[in-house]
Amino acid sequence: MTGVDVASPLREQYGSRKQAFRAIAKYAGHPSVQAVTERVTADHRMPEISPSLAQRGDVALITRNYDFSLALVGLDGGILAAGARGYERVPPLLAVRAWRV
């Protein structure tokens, strides 16, 4: 969408789940979705915005049962996150942070 590979610092840095967690921790300071999101958005100068102002194409950090997930704002302004059957619409109130892409 933007022509920029935001995951390039992690490409070819791991070959197993354990190595992936180490690579993520080295890159972001902690092996979590929130830490990686904060690092990537800072590295690419994506401004943080209020979740209520997020528009199509923006990303949102949403709360889940035990952690956070990264979600996208769809064409209709709804928030979409990966679920058991592909992308699923999630309630906007689950968005705790958002960034302009």
C-alpha atoms as a PDB file:
ATOM      1  CA  MET A   1       0.000   0.000   0.000  1.00  0.00           C
ATOM      2  CA  THR A   2       2.799   2.439   0.857  1.00  0.00           C
ATOM      3  CA  GLY A   3       5.591   0.754  -1.100  1.00  0.00           C
ATOM      4  CA  VAL A   4       7.662   0.429   2.088  1.00  0.00           C
ATOM      5  CA  ASP A   5       8.500  -2.923   3.669  1.00  0.00           C
ATOM      6  CA  VAL A   6       8.188  -2.110   7.366  1.00  0.00           C
ATOM      7  CA  ALA A   7       9.221  -5.647   8.316  1.00  0.00           C
ATOM      8  CA  SER A   8      12.553  -5.513   6.467  1.00  0.00           C
ATOM      9  CA  PRO A   9      14.632  -5.311   9.691  1.00  0.00           C
ATOM     10  CA  LEU A  10      13.270  -8.729  10.675  1.00  0.00           C
ATOM     11  CA  ARG A  11      13.436 -10.500   7.316  1.00  0.00           C
ATOM     12  CA  GLU A  12      15.765 -13.508   7.233  1.00  0.00           C
ATOM     13  CA  GLN A  13      16.703 -12.944  10.887  1.00  0.00           C
ATOM     14  CA  TYR A  14      15.180 -16.145  12.224  1.00  0.00           C
ATOM     15  CA  GLY A  15      14.454 -19.754  11.354  1.00  0.00           C
ATOM     16  CA  SER A  16      12.393 -20.861  14.326  1.00  0.00           C
ATOM     17  CA  ARG A  17       9.780 -19.482  16.707  1.00  0.00           C
ATOM     18  CA  LYS A  18      12.401 -19.079  19.452  1.00  0.00           C
ATOM     19  CA  GLN A  19      14.739 -17.190  17.091  1.00  0.00           C
ATOM     20  CA  ALA A  20      11.822 -15.013  15.952  1.00  0.00           C
ATOM     21  CA  PHE A  21      11.075 -13.950  19.520  1.00  0.00           C
ATOM     22  CA  ARG A  22      14.758 -13.129  20.043  1.00  0.00           C
ATOM     23  CA  ALA A  23      14.914 -11.102  16.815  1.00  0.00           C
ATOM     24  CA  ILE A  24      11.759  -9.190  17.730  1.00  0.00           C
ATOM     25  CA  ALA A  25      13.057  -8.479  21.240  1.00  0.00           C
ATOM     26  CA  LYS A  26      16.368  -7.248  19.806  1.00  0.00           C
ATOM     27  CA  TYR A  27      14.563  -4.975  17.346  1.00  0.00           C
ATOM     28  CA  ALA A  28      11.762  -3.674  19.559  1.00  0.00           C
ATOM     29  CA  GLY A  29      13.067  -4.145  23.099  1.00  0.00           C
ATOM     30  CA  HIS A  30      10.364  -6.678  23.957  1.00  0.00           C
ATOM     31  CA  PRO A  31       8.804  -9.536  21.973  1.00  0.00           C
ATOM     32  CA  SER A  32       5.266  -8.158  21.836  1.00  0.00           C
ATOM     33  CA  VAL A  33       2.866  -6.782  19.247  1.00  0.00           C
ATOM     34  CA  GLN A  34       2.734  -3.482  21.114  1.00  0.00           C
ATOM     35  CA  ALA A  35       6.532  -3.081  21.208  1.00  0.00           C
ATOM     36  CA  VAL A  36       6.941  -3.916  17.511  1.00  0.00           C
ATOM     37  CA  THR A  37       4.118  -1.547  16.571  1.00  0.00           C
ATOM     38  CA  GLU A  38       5.664   1.285  18.590  1.00  0.00           C
ATOM     39  CA  ARG A  39       9.089   0.695  17.008  1.00  0.00           C
ATOM     40  CA  VAL A  40       7.836   0.391  13.410  1.00  0.00           C
ATOM     41  CA  THR A  41       5.589   3.438  13.632  1.00  0.00           C
ATOM     42  CA  ALA A  42       8.407   5.498  15.167  1.00  0.00           C
ATOM     43  CA  ASP A  43      10.961   4.315  12.581  1.00  0.00           C
ATOM     44  CA  HIS A  44       8.613   5.244   9.746  1.00  0.00           C
ATOM     45  CA  ARG A  45       7.356   8.479  11.291  1.00  0.00           C
ATOM     46  CA  MET A  46       3.736   7.389  11.424  1.00  0.00           C
ATOM     47  CA  PRO A  47       2.022   9.855  13.739  1.00  0.00           C
ATOM     48  CA  GLU A  48      -0.029   8.496  16.590  1.00  0.00           C
ATOM     49  CA  ILE A  49      -3.638   9.643  16.477  1.00  0.00           C
ATOM     50  CA  SER A  50      -6.718   9.109  18.571  1.00  0.00           C
ATOM     51  CA  PRO A  51      -8.379   5.804  17.658  1.00  0.00           C
ATOM     52  CA  SER A  52     -11.605   7.737  17.047  1.00  0.00           C
ATOM     53  CA  LEU A  53      -9.832   9.665  14.242  1.00  0.00           C
ATOM     54  CA  ALA A  54      -8.428   6.602  12.475  1.00  0.00           C
ATOM     55  CA  GLN A  55      -9.372   6.376   8.803  1.00  0.00           C
ATOM     56  CA  ARG A  56      -9.128   3.705   6.109  1.00  0.00           C
ATOM     57  CA  GLY A  57      -5.623   2.333   5.810  1.00  0.00           C
ATOM     58  CA  ASP A  58      -4.565   3.403   9.305  1.00  0.00           C
ATOM     59  CA  VAL A  59      -3.486   0.846  11.897  1.00  0.00           C
ATOM     60  CA  ALA A  60      -4.910   0.366  15.359  1.00  0.00           C
ATOM     61  CA  LEU A  61      -3.676  -1.482  18.409  1.00  0.00           C
ATOM     62  CA  ILE A  62      -6.613  -3.370  19.894  1.00  0.00           C
ATOM     63  CA  THR A  63      -7.018  -5.171  23.196  1.00  0.00           C
ATOM     64  CA  ARG A  64      -7.576  -8.898  23.121  1.00  0.00           C
ATOM     65  CA  ASN A  65      -8.244 -11.393  25.899  1.00  0.00           C
ATOM     66  CA  TYR A  66      -4.670 -11.457  27.163  1.00  0.00           C
ATOM     67  CA  ASP A  67      -2.628  -9.148  24.934  1.00  0.00           C
ATOM     68  CA  PHE A  68      -2.818  -6.752  22.005  1.00  0.00           C
ATOM     69  CA  SER A  69      -3.309  -7.302  18.282  1.00  0.00           C
ATOM     70  CA  LEU A  70      -2.682  -5.055  15.323  1.00  0.00           C
ATOM     71  CA  ALA A  71      -5.730  -4.185  13.241  1.00  0.00           C
ATOM     72  CA  LEU A  72      -6.456  -2.230  10.080  1.00  0.00           C
ATOM     73  CA  VAL A  73      -9.106   0.364   9.429  1.00  0.00           C
ATOM     74  CA  GLY A  74     -11.101  -0.799   6.415  1.00  0.00           C
ATOM     75  CA  LEU A  75     -12.612   1.146   3.545  1.00  0.00           C
ATOM     76  CA  ASP A  76     -15.828   1.715   5.472  1.00  0.00           C
ATOM     77  CA  GLY A  77     -14.010   2.895   8.615  1.00  0.00           C
ATOM     78  CA  GLY A  78     -14.594  -0.368  10.488  1.00  0.00           C
ATOM     79  CA  ILE A  79     -11.736  -2.035  12.335  1.00  0.00           C
ATOM     80  CA  LEU A  80     -10.585  -5.388  10.993  1.00  0.00           C
ATOM     81  CA  ALA A  81      -8.322  -7.833  12.804  1.00  0.00           C
ATOM     82  CA  ALA A  82      -7.134 -11.354  12.128  1.00  0.00           C
ATOM     83  CA  GLY A  83      -9.462 -13.926  13.617  1.00  0.00           C
ATOM     84  CA  ALA A  84     -10.113 -17.647  13.512  1.00  0.00           C
ATOM     85  CA  ARG A  85     -11.753 -17.376  10.070  1.00  0.00           C
ATOM     86  CA  GLY A  86      -9.700 -14.628   8.458  1.00  0.00           C
ATOM     87  CA  TYR A  87     -10.285 -10.937   9.005  1.00  0.00           C
ATOM     88  CA  GLU A  88     -13.087 -10.135  11.404  1.00  0.00           C
ATOM     89  CA  ARG A  89     -14.743  -6.857  12.283  1.00  0.00           C
ATOM     90  CA  VAL A  90     -14.018  -5.833  15.872  1.00  0.00           C
ATOM     91  CA  PRO A  91     -15.796  -3.244  18.022  1.00  0.00           C
ATOM     92  CA  PRO A  92     -14.169   0.208  17.748  1.00  0.00           C
ATOM     93  CA  LEU A  93     -13.964   0.432  21.540  1.00  0.00           C
ATOM     94  CA  LEU A  94     -11.256  -2.261  21.479  1.00  0.00           C
ATOM     95  CA  ALA A  95      -8.880   0.192  19.770  1.00  0.00           C
ATOM     96  CA  VAL A  96      -6.610   1.700  22.412  1.00  0.00           C
ATOM     97  CA  ARG A  97      -4.074   3.398  20.076  1.00  0.00           C
ATOM     98  CA  ALA A  98      -3.880   4.223  16.375  1.00  0.00           C
ATOM     99  CA  TRP A  99      -1.384   5.545  13.811  1.00  0.00           C
ATOM    100  CA  ARG A 100      -1.792   7.339  10.504  1.00  0.00           C
ATOM    101  CA  VAL A 101      -0.244   5.375   7.647  1.00  0.00           C
END
